[in-house]
Amino acid sequence: MPRHQYSAEEVAHRVLYCELLFKICEVVFSKKEIVHASEVAKVLGINIGYAYKLLRKLEKWGVLRGVKDPVNGKLAFKPSNRKVAQIIAEEIKKRRAEEISDMILSDIIEK
């Protein structure tokens, strides 16, 4: 029996409403180079094994793509080129723009 395949919108919804998964995506999508579980764990303050498990889940869902690091041969991750990754990337941009806008407005109000 085949496994359930989630639509891009279903996966994006799951990621966008789970703060930790969204933060992992922010870390991976913000880097030009590949990202290891150890880096994600360090940035987010979580266990490396847990970070790896969540990265693999995002890979399974098509958000990330696992790649072999040419330097040490370890598994690393980068954004995939699938529709779900594009949806999440757009949401990251949107949320960052809102944060910047809020910072500017709060600076104006303080003055």
C-alpha atoms as a PDB file:
ATOM      1  CA  MET A   1       0.000   0.000   0.000  1.00  0.00           C
ATOM      2  CA  PRO A   2       1.545   3.357  -1.020  1.00  0.00           C
ATOM      3  CA  ARG A   3       2.361   5.979   1.571  1.00  0.00           C
ATOM      4  CA  HIS A   4       0.254   9.106   1.767  1.00  0.00           C
ATOM      5  CA  GLN A   5       1.625  11.910  -0.375  1.00  0.00           C
ATOM      6  CA  TYR A   6       0.970  15.353   1.039  1.00  0.00           C
ATOM      7  CA  SER A   7       0.237  18.232  -1.306  1.00  0.00           C
ATOM      8  CA  ALA A   8       2.635  21.178  -1.311  1.00  0.00           C
ATOM      9  CA  GLU A   9      -0.014  23.291   0.415  1.00  0.00           C
ATOM     10  CA  GLU A  10      -0.559  20.693   3.175  1.00  0.00           C
ATOM     11  CA  VAL A  11       3.160  20.454   3.890  1.00  0.00           C
ATOM     12  CA  ALA A  12       3.608  24.227   3.807  1.00  0.00           C
ATOM     13  CA  HIS A  13       0.726  24.583   6.269  1.00  0.00           C
ATOM     14  CA  ARG A  14       2.321  22.054   8.638  1.00  0.00           C
ATOM     15  CA  VAL A  15       5.699  23.802   8.492  1.00  0.00           C
ATOM     16  CA  LEU A  16       4.353  27.347   8.789  1.00  0.00           C
ATOM     17  CA  TYR A  17       2.320  26.522  11.879  1.00  0.00           C
ATOM     18  CA  CYS A  18       5.069  24.582  13.682  1.00  0.00           C
ATOM     19  CA  GLU A  19       7.461  27.186  15.028  1.00  0.00           C
ATOM     20  CA  LEU A  20      10.440  24.817  15.261  1.00  0.00           C
ATOM     21  CA  LEU A  21      10.067  23.464  11.720  1.00  0.00           C
ATOM     22  CA  PHE A  22       9.694  27.010  10.416  1.00  0.00           C
ATOM     23  CA  LYS A  23      12.847  28.130  12.276  1.00  0.00           C
ATOM     24  CA  ILE A  24      14.777  25.197  10.822  1.00  0.00           C
ATOM     25  CA  CYS A  25      13.663  26.277   7.356  1.00  0.00           C
ATOM     26  CA  GLU A  26      14.757  29.843   8.108  1.00  0.00           C
ATOM     27  CA  VAL A  27      18.235  28.606   9.057  1.00  0.00           C
ATOM     28  CA  VAL A  28      18.619  26.406   5.972  1.00  0.00           C
ATOM     29  CA  PHE A  29      17.050  28.857   3.507  1.00  0.00           C
ATOM     30  CA  SER A  30      19.166  31.780   4.777  1.00  0.00           C
ATOM     31  CA  LYS A  31      22.490  30.064   3.983  1.00  0.00           C
ATOM     32  CA  LYS A  32      24.109  29.979   0.582  1.00  0.00           C
ATOM     33  CA  GLU A  33      26.054  26.835   1.494  1.00  0.00           C
ATOM     34  CA  ILE A  34      24.768  23.466   2.660  1.00  0.00           C
ATOM     35  CA  VAL A  35      23.772  23.142   6.321  1.00  0.00           C
ATOM     36  CA  HIS A  36      24.503  20.292   8.745  1.00  0.00           C
ATOM     37  CA  ALA A  37      22.319  19.148  11.620  1.00  0.00           C
ATOM     38  CA  SER A  38      25.005  20.338  14.049  1.00  0.00           C
ATOM     39  CA  GLU A  39      24.681  23.917  12.788  1.00  0.00           C
ATOM     40  CA  VAL A  40      20.886  23.848  13.039  1.00  0.00           C
ATOM     41  CA  ALA A  41      21.136  22.397  16.549  1.00  0.00           C
ATOM     42  CA  LYS A  42      23.592  25.089  17.631  1.00  0.00           C
ATOM     43  CA  VAL A  43      21.561  27.981  16.208  1.00  0.00           C
ATOM     44  CA  LEU A  44      18.261  26.756  17.688  1.00  0.00           C
ATOM     45  CA  GLY A  45      19.636  25.331  20.927  1.00  0.00           C
ATOM     46  CA  ILE A  46      18.345  21.804  20.375  1.00  0.00           C
ATOM     47  CA  ASN A  47      19.921  18.339  20.429  1.00  0.00           C
ATOM     48  CA  ILE A  48      21.823  17.366  17.248  1.00  0.00           C
ATOM     49  CA  GLY A  49      19.923  14.086  16.937  1.00  0.00           C
ATOM     50  CA  TYR A  50      16.592  15.883  17.174  1.00  0.00           C
ATOM     51  CA  ALA A  51      17.711  18.474  14.610  1.00  0.00           C
ATOM     52  CA  TYR A  52      18.764  15.652  12.272  1.00  0.00           C
ATOM     53  CA  LYS A  53      15.408  13.898  12.711  1.00  0.00           C
ATOM     54  CA  LEU A  54      13.495  17.092  11.863  1.00  0.00           C
ATOM     55  CA  LEU A  55      15.752  17.836   8.885  1.00  0.00           C
ATOM     56  CA  ARG A  56      15.081  14.325   7.553  1.00  0.00           C
ATOM     57  CA  LYS A  57      11.330  14.868   8.023  1.00  0.00           C
ATOM     58  CA  LEU A  58      11.553  18.096   6.001  1.00  0.00           C
ATOM     59  CA  GLU A  59      13.541  16.210   3.377  1.00  0.00           C
ATOM     60  CA  LYS A  60      10.868  13.486   3.216  1.00  0.00           C
ATOM     61  CA  TRP A  61       8.204  16.148   2.759  1.00  0.00           C
ATOM     62  CA  GLY A  62      10.146  17.725  -0.123  1.00  0.00           C
ATOM     63  CA  VAL A  63      11.028  20.975   1.654  1.00  0.00           C
ATOM     64  CA  LEU A  64      14.743  20.217   1.853  1.00  0.00           C
ATOM     65  CA  ARG A  65      17.145  18.152  -0.181  1.00  0.00           C
ATOM     66  CA  GLY A  66      19.797  16.004   1.435  1.00  0.00           C
ATOM     67  CA  VAL A  67      23.243  16.224  -0.148  1.00  0.00           C
ATOM     68  CA  LYS A  68      26.572  14.615   0.617  1.00  0.00           C
ATOM     69  CA  ASP A  69      29.092  17.162   1.896  1.00  0.00           C
ATOM     70  CA  PRO A  70      32.093  16.939  -0.476  1.00  0.00           C
ATOM     71  CA  VAL A  71      34.466  17.894   2.362  1.00  0.00           C
ATOM     72  CA  ASN A  72      33.600  15.265   4.964  1.00  0.00           C
ATOM     73  CA  GLY A  73      31.025  13.013   3.290  1.00  0.00           C
ATOM     74  CA  LYS A  74      28.359  13.752   5.902  1.00  0.00           C
ATOM     75  CA  LEU A  75      24.737  14.361   5.030  1.00  0.00           C
ATOM     76  CA  ALA A  76      23.891  18.055   4.797  1.00  0.00           C
ATOM     77  CA  PHE A  77      20.808  19.901   3.637  1.00  0.00           C
ATOM     78  CA  LYS A  78      19.734  22.669   1.306  1.00  0.00           C
ATOM     79  CA  PRO A  79      16.357  23.926   0.098  1.00  0.00           C
ATOM     80  CA  SER A  80      14.741  21.748  -2.528  1.00  0.00           C
ATOM     81  CA  ASN A  81      13.501  23.159  -5.809  1.00  0.00           C
ATOM     82  CA  ARG A  82       9.976  21.843  -5.295  1.00  0.00           C
ATOM     83  CA  LYS A  83       6.822  23.928  -5.020  1.00  0.00           C
ATOM     84  CA  VAL A  84       6.559  23.474  -1.239  1.00  0.00           C
ATOM     85  CA  ALA A  85      10.033  24.976  -0.750  1.00  0.00           C
ATOM     86  CA  GLN A  86       9.045  27.963  -2.887  1.00  0.00           C
ATOM     87  CA  ILE A  87       5.912  28.518  -0.778  1.00  0.00           C
ATOM     88  CA  ILE A  88       7.950  28.433   2.435  1.00  0.00           C
ATOM     89  CA  ALA A  89      10.661  30.698   1.002  1.00  0.00           C
ATOM     90  CA  GLU A  90       8.018  33.280   0.094  1.00  0.00           C
ATOM     91  CA  GLU A  91       6.579  33.121   3.614  1.00  0.00           C
ATOM     92  CA  ILE A  92      10.045  33.609   5.138  1.00  0.00           C
ATOM     93  CA  LYS A  93      10.540  36.714   2.958  1.00  0.00           C
ATOM     94  CA  LYS A  94       7.099  38.014   3.893  1.00  0.00           C
ATOM     95  CA  ARG A  95       7.655  37.530   7.628  1.00  0.00           C
ATOM     96  CA  ARG A  96      11.096  39.179   7.486  1.00  0.00           C
ATOM     97  CA  ALA A  97       9.637  42.160   5.628  1.00  0.00           C
ATOM     98  CA  GLU A  98       6.947  42.469   8.302  1.00  0.00           C
ATOM     99  CA  GLU A  99       9.581  42.321  11.079  1.00  0.00           C
ATOM    100  CA  ILE A 100      11.604  45.082   9.409  1.00  0.00           C
ATOM    101  CA  SER A 101       8.492  47.176   8.906  1.00  0.00           C
ATOM    102  CA  ASP A 102       7.537  46.735  12.570  1.00  0.00           C
ATOM    103  CA  MET A 103      11.057  47.747  13.674  1.00  0.00           C
ATOM    104  CA  ILE A 104      10.937  50.897  11.540  1.00  0.00           C
ATOM    105  CA  LEU A 105       7.501  51.816  12.863  1.00  0.00           C
ATOM    106  CA  SER A 106       8.562  51.300  16.467  1.00  0.00           C
ATOM    107  CA  ASP A 107      11.620  53.525  15.902  1.00  0.00           C
ATOM    108  CA  ILE A 108       9.393  56.260  14.455  1.00  0.00           C
ATOM    109  CA  ILE A 109       6.931  55.992  17.348  1.00  0.00           C
ATOM    110  CA  GLU A 110       9.753  56.167  19.939  1.00  0.00           C
ATOM    111  CA  LYS A 111      11.051  59.421  18.425  1.00  0.00           C
END
